[in-house]
């Protein structure tokens, strides 16, 4: 896998995986934001997994752009996205992120996970719960 990248894989739609390796460039962050907007504009329900297992620090540009996007799209995200799983292999970081998620308001349910398997299972649970509600 390449170093310093932010990749999006939507081949298993309605589950979308964003994978950060190292520290992404501003151009990669902009592409990520564009892809997130594209997914939201489909008007379909979906689940997001952020694989941060190999991520470096989040650069200021990434934090700013993500915050702006959430502020602009939070309401639509709450209608379209069934939840977001955050994958961190480091137990201490999972603990910190879990604590942060208790006090930071998000428009969708958030789950902090230790592995992609756990995140994937949670994403499938979110989709199954949605299907049960529709029936």
C-alpha atoms as a PDB file:
ATOM      1  CA  UNK A   1       0.000   0.000   0.000  1.00  0.00           C
ATOM      2  CA  UNK A   2       1.334   3.468  -0.839  1.00  0.00           C
ATOM      3  CA  UNK A   3       2.522   5.789   1.898  1.00  0.00           C
ATOM      4  CA  UNK A   4       0.804   9.063   2.688  1.00  0.00           C
ATOM      5  CA  UNK A   5      -2.540   8.537   1.040  1.00  0.00           C
ATOM      6  CA  UNK A   6      -6.261   8.775   1.663  1.00  0.00           C
ATOM      7  CA  UNK A   7      -8.141   6.207  -0.405  1.00  0.00           C
ATOM      8  CA  UNK A   8     -11.851   5.596  -0.840  1.00  0.00           C
ATOM      9  CA  UNK A   9     -13.296   2.209  -1.748  1.00  0.00           C
ATOM     10  CA  UNK A  10     -17.010   2.091  -2.482  1.00  0.00           C
ATOM     11  CA  UNK A  11     -16.950  -1.215  -4.368  1.00  0.00           C
ATOM     12  CA  UNK A  12     -18.991  -2.824  -1.554  1.00  0.00           C
ATOM     13  CA  UNK A  13     -21.669  -0.113  -1.598  1.00  0.00           C
ATOM     14  CA  UNK A  14     -23.602   0.603   0.604  1.00  0.00           C
ATOM     15  CA  UNK A  15     -20.492   0.215   2.762  1.00  0.00           C
ATOM     16  CA  UNK A  16     -17.812   2.801   1.990  1.00  0.00           C
ATOM     17  CA  UNK A  17     -14.261   2.462   3.310  1.00  0.00           C
ATOM     18  CA  UNK A  18     -11.951   5.455   3.635  1.00  0.00           C
ATOM     19  CA  UNK A  19      -8.384   4.358   4.425  1.00  0.00           C
ATOM     20  CA  UNK A  20      -5.719   6.778   5.612  1.00  0.00           C
ATOM     21  CA  UNK A  21      -2.067   5.767   5.410  1.00  0.00           C
ATOM     22  CA  UNK A  22       0.501   8.194   6.762  1.00  0.00           C
ATOM     23  CA  UNK A  23      -0.308  11.865   6.231  1.00  0.00           C
ATOM     24  CA  UNK A  24      -2.455  12.684   3.177  1.00  0.00           C
ATOM     25  CA  UNK A  25      -1.754  15.635   0.912  1.00  0.00           C
ATOM     26  CA  UNK A  26      -4.168  18.529   0.433  1.00  0.00           C
ATOM     27  CA  UNK A  27      -5.079  17.173  -3.018  1.00  0.00           C
ATOM     28  CA  UNK A  28      -5.908  13.779  -1.494  1.00  0.00           C
ATOM     29  CA  UNK A  29      -8.053  15.452   1.164  1.00  0.00           C
ATOM     30  CA  UNK A  30      -9.910  17.411  -1.529  1.00  0.00           C
ATOM     31  CA  UNK A  31     -10.550  14.192  -3.467  1.00  0.00           C
ATOM     32  CA  UNK A  32     -11.810  12.534  -0.263  1.00  0.00           C
ATOM     33  CA  UNK A  33     -14.225  15.440   0.318  1.00  0.00           C
ATOM     34  CA  UNK A  34     -15.435  15.209  -3.293  1.00  0.00           C
ATOM     35  CA  UNK A  35     -16.034  11.464  -2.946  1.00  0.00           C
ATOM     36  CA  UNK A  36     -17.895  11.963   0.353  1.00  0.00           C
ATOM     37  CA  UNK A  37     -20.120  14.535  -1.372  1.00  0.00           C
ATOM     38  CA  UNK A  38     -20.707  12.127  -4.249  1.00  0.00           C
ATOM     39  CA  UNK A  39     -21.786   9.362  -1.868  1.00  0.00           C
ATOM     40  CA  UNK A  40     -24.134  11.687  -0.041  1.00  0.00           C
ATOM     41  CA  UNK A  41     -25.666  12.952  -3.300  1.00  0.00           C
ATOM     42  CA  UNK A  42     -26.732   9.417  -4.291  1.00  0.00           C
ATOM     43  CA  UNK A  43     -29.674   9.769  -1.943  1.00  0.00           C
ATOM     44  CA  UNK A  44     -29.234   6.188  -0.719  1.00  0.00           C
ATOM     45  CA  UNK A  45     -28.616   4.942   2.812  1.00  0.00           C
ATOM     46  CA  UNK A  46     -25.044   3.816   3.474  1.00  0.00           C
ATOM     47  CA  UNK A  47     -22.434   3.201   6.188  1.00  0.00           C
ATOM     48  CA  UNK A  48     -18.879   4.556   6.366  1.00  0.00           C
ATOM     49  CA  UNK A  49     -15.775   2.894   7.766  1.00  0.00           C
ATOM     50  CA  UNK A  50     -12.676   5.005   8.400  1.00  0.00           C
ATOM     51  CA  UNK A  51      -9.640   2.729   8.572  1.00  0.00           C
ATOM     52  CA  UNK A  52      -7.100   4.724  10.565  1.00  0.00           C
ATOM     53  CA  UNK A  53      -4.930   1.734  11.481  1.00  0.00           C
ATOM     54  CA  UNK A  54      -1.962   3.103   9.496  1.00  0.00           C
ATOM     55  CA  UNK A  55      -2.756   6.799   9.700  1.00  0.00           C
ATOM     56  CA  UNK A  56      -0.283   9.432  10.756  1.00  0.00           C
ATOM     57  CA  UNK A  57      -1.345  12.674  12.345  1.00  0.00           C
ATOM     58  CA  UNK A  58      -4.260  14.450  10.698  1.00  0.00           C
ATOM     59  CA  UNK A  59      -2.895  17.630   9.094  1.00  0.00           C
ATOM     60  CA  UNK A  60      -4.596  20.956   9.842  1.00  0.00           C
ATOM     61  CA  UNK A  61      -5.925  21.157   6.275  1.00  0.00           C
ATOM     62  CA  UNK A  62      -7.644  17.803   6.659  1.00  0.00           C
ATOM     63  CA  UNK A  63      -9.190  18.744  10.000  1.00  0.00           C
ATOM     64  CA  UNK A  64     -10.418  22.073   8.637  1.00  0.00           C
ATOM     65  CA  UNK A  65     -11.885  20.647   5.409  1.00  0.00           C
ATOM     66  CA  UNK A  66     -13.590  17.769   7.228  1.00  0.00           C
ATOM     67  CA  UNK A  67     -15.072  20.146   9.808  1.00  0.00           C
ATOM     68  CA  UNK A  68     -16.340  22.503   7.086  1.00  0.00           C
ATOM     69  CA  UNK A  69     -17.846  19.595   5.153  1.00  0.00           C
ATOM     70  CA  UNK A  70     -19.602  18.262   8.259  1.00  0.00           C
ATOM     71  CA  UNK A  71     -20.995  21.709   9.069  1.00  0.00           C
ATOM     72  CA  UNK A  72     -22.294  22.123   5.504  1.00  0.00           C
ATOM     73  CA  UNK A  73     -23.623  18.581   5.114  1.00  0.00           C
ATOM     74  CA  UNK A  74     -24.464  17.421   8.630  1.00  0.00           C
ATOM     75  CA  UNK A  75     -28.224  17.472   8.160  1.00  0.00           C
ATOM     76  CA  UNK A  76     -28.104  15.544   4.868  1.00  0.00           C
ATOM     77  CA  UNK A  77     -25.540  13.165   6.340  1.00  0.00           C
ATOM     78  CA  UNK A  78     -27.899  12.437   9.228  1.00  0.00           C
ATOM     79  CA  UNK A  79     -30.588  11.453   6.709  1.00  0.00           C
ATOM     80  CA  UNK A  80     -28.370   9.387   4.408  1.00  0.00           C
ATOM     81  CA  UNK A  81     -25.589   7.821   6.444  1.00  0.00           C
ATOM     82  CA  UNK A  82     -26.522   5.087   8.917  1.00  0.00           C
ATOM     83  CA  UNK A  83     -23.289   5.425  10.873  1.00  0.00           C
ATOM     84  CA  UNK A  84     -19.532   5.679  10.894  1.00  0.00           C
ATOM     85  CA  UNK A  85     -17.058   3.143  12.255  1.00  0.00           C
ATOM     86  CA  UNK A  86     -13.595   4.427  13.186  1.00  0.00           C
ATOM     87  CA  UNK A  87     -10.823   1.817  13.216  1.00  0.00           C
ATOM     88  CA  UNK A  88      -7.847   2.352  15.529  1.00  0.00           C
ATOM     89  CA  UNK A  89      -5.615  -0.589  16.446  1.00  0.00           C
ATOM     90  CA  UNK A  90      -4.001   1.237  19.377  1.00  0.00           C
ATOM     91  CA  UNK A  91      -6.032   0.637  22.571  1.00  0.00           C
ATOM     92  CA  UNK A  92      -5.092   3.988  24.118  1.00  0.00           C
ATOM     93  CA  UNK A  93      -6.156   5.847  20.993  1.00  0.00           C
ATOM     94  CA  UNK A  94      -9.432   3.901  20.881  1.00  0.00           C
ATOM     95  CA  UNK A  95     -10.068   4.923  24.487  1.00  0.00           C
ATOM     96  CA  UNK A  96      -9.358   8.592  23.751  1.00  0.00           C
ATOM     97  CA  UNK A  97     -11.502   8.568  20.603  1.00  0.00           C
ATOM     98  CA  UNK A  98     -14.358   6.847  22.442  1.00  0.00           C
ATOM     99  CA  UNK A  99     -14.224   9.536  25.118  1.00  0.00           C
ATOM    100  CA  UNK A 100     -14.159  12.301  22.495  1.00  0.00           C
ATOM    101  CA  UNK A 101     -17.176  10.777  20.744  1.00  0.00           C
ATOM    102  CA  UNK A 102     -19.141  11.032  23.996  1.00  0.00           C
ATOM    103  CA  UNK A 103     -18.836  14.826  24.037  1.00  0.00           C
ATOM    104  CA  UNK A 104     -18.637  15.779  20.347  1.00  0.00           C
ATOM    105  CA  UNK A 105     -21.979  15.920  18.546  1.00  0.00           C
ATOM    106  CA  UNK A 106     -22.192  13.952  15.298  1.00  0.00           C
ATOM    107  CA  UNK A 107     -25.136  13.671  12.919  1.00  0.00           C
ATOM    108  CA  UNK A 108     -24.782   9.858  12.723  1.00  0.00           C
ATOM    109  CA  UNK A 109     -24.006   7.021  15.140  1.00  0.00           C
ATOM    110  CA  UNK A 110     -20.264   6.511  15.688  1.00  0.00           C
ATOM    111  CA  UNK A 111     -18.504   3.298  16.685  1.00  0.00           C
ATOM    112  CA  UNK A 112     -14.812   3.099  17.588  1.00  0.00           C
ATOM    113  CA  UNK A 113     -13.416  -0.319  16.591  1.00  0.00           C
ATOM    114  CA  UNK A 114     -10.157  -2.217  17.055  1.00  0.00           C
ATOM    115  CA  UNK A 115     -10.201  -3.966  13.665  1.00  0.00           C
ATOM    116  CA  UNK A 116     -11.682  -3.851  10.193  1.00  0.00           C
ATOM    117  CA  UNK A 117     -13.535  -7.082  10.976  1.00  0.00           C
ATOM    118  CA  UNK A 118     -15.256  -5.429  13.931  1.00  0.00           C
ATOM    119  CA  UNK A 119     -16.040  -2.316  11.875  1.00  0.00           C
ATOM    120  CA  UNK A 120     -17.384  -4.364   8.981  1.00  0.00           C
ATOM    121  CA  UNK A 121     -19.633  -6.410  11.292  1.00  0.00           C
ATOM    122  CA  UNK A 122     -20.974  -3.198  12.857  1.00  0.00           C
ATOM    123  CA  UNK A 123     -21.605  -1.678   9.411  1.00  0.00           C
ATOM    124  CA  UNK A 124     -23.556  -4.765   8.383  1.00  0.00           C
ATOM    125  CA  UNK A 125     -25.569  -4.551  11.629  1.00  0.00           C
ATOM    126  CA  UNK A 126     -26.467  -0.945  10.817  1.00  0.00           C
ATOM    127  CA  UNK A 127     -27.659  -1.943   7.349  1.00  0.00           C
ATOM    128  CA  UNK A 128     -29.621  -4.930   8.693  1.00  0.00           C
ATOM    129  CA  UNK A 129     -31.357  -2.720  11.272  1.00  0.00           C
ATOM    130  CA  UNK A 130     -32.302  -0.295   8.494  1.00  0.00           C
ATOM    131  CA  UNK A 131     -33.730  -3.129   6.383  1.00  0.00           C
ATOM    132  CA  UNK A 132     -35.828  -4.341   9.335  1.00  0.00           C
ATOM    133  CA  UNK A 133     -37.259  -0.829   9.763  1.00  0.00           C
ATOM    134  CA  UNK A 134     -38.177  -0.563   6.087  1.00  0.00           C
ATOM    135  CA  UNK A 135     -40.028  -3.880   6.009  1.00  0.00           C
END
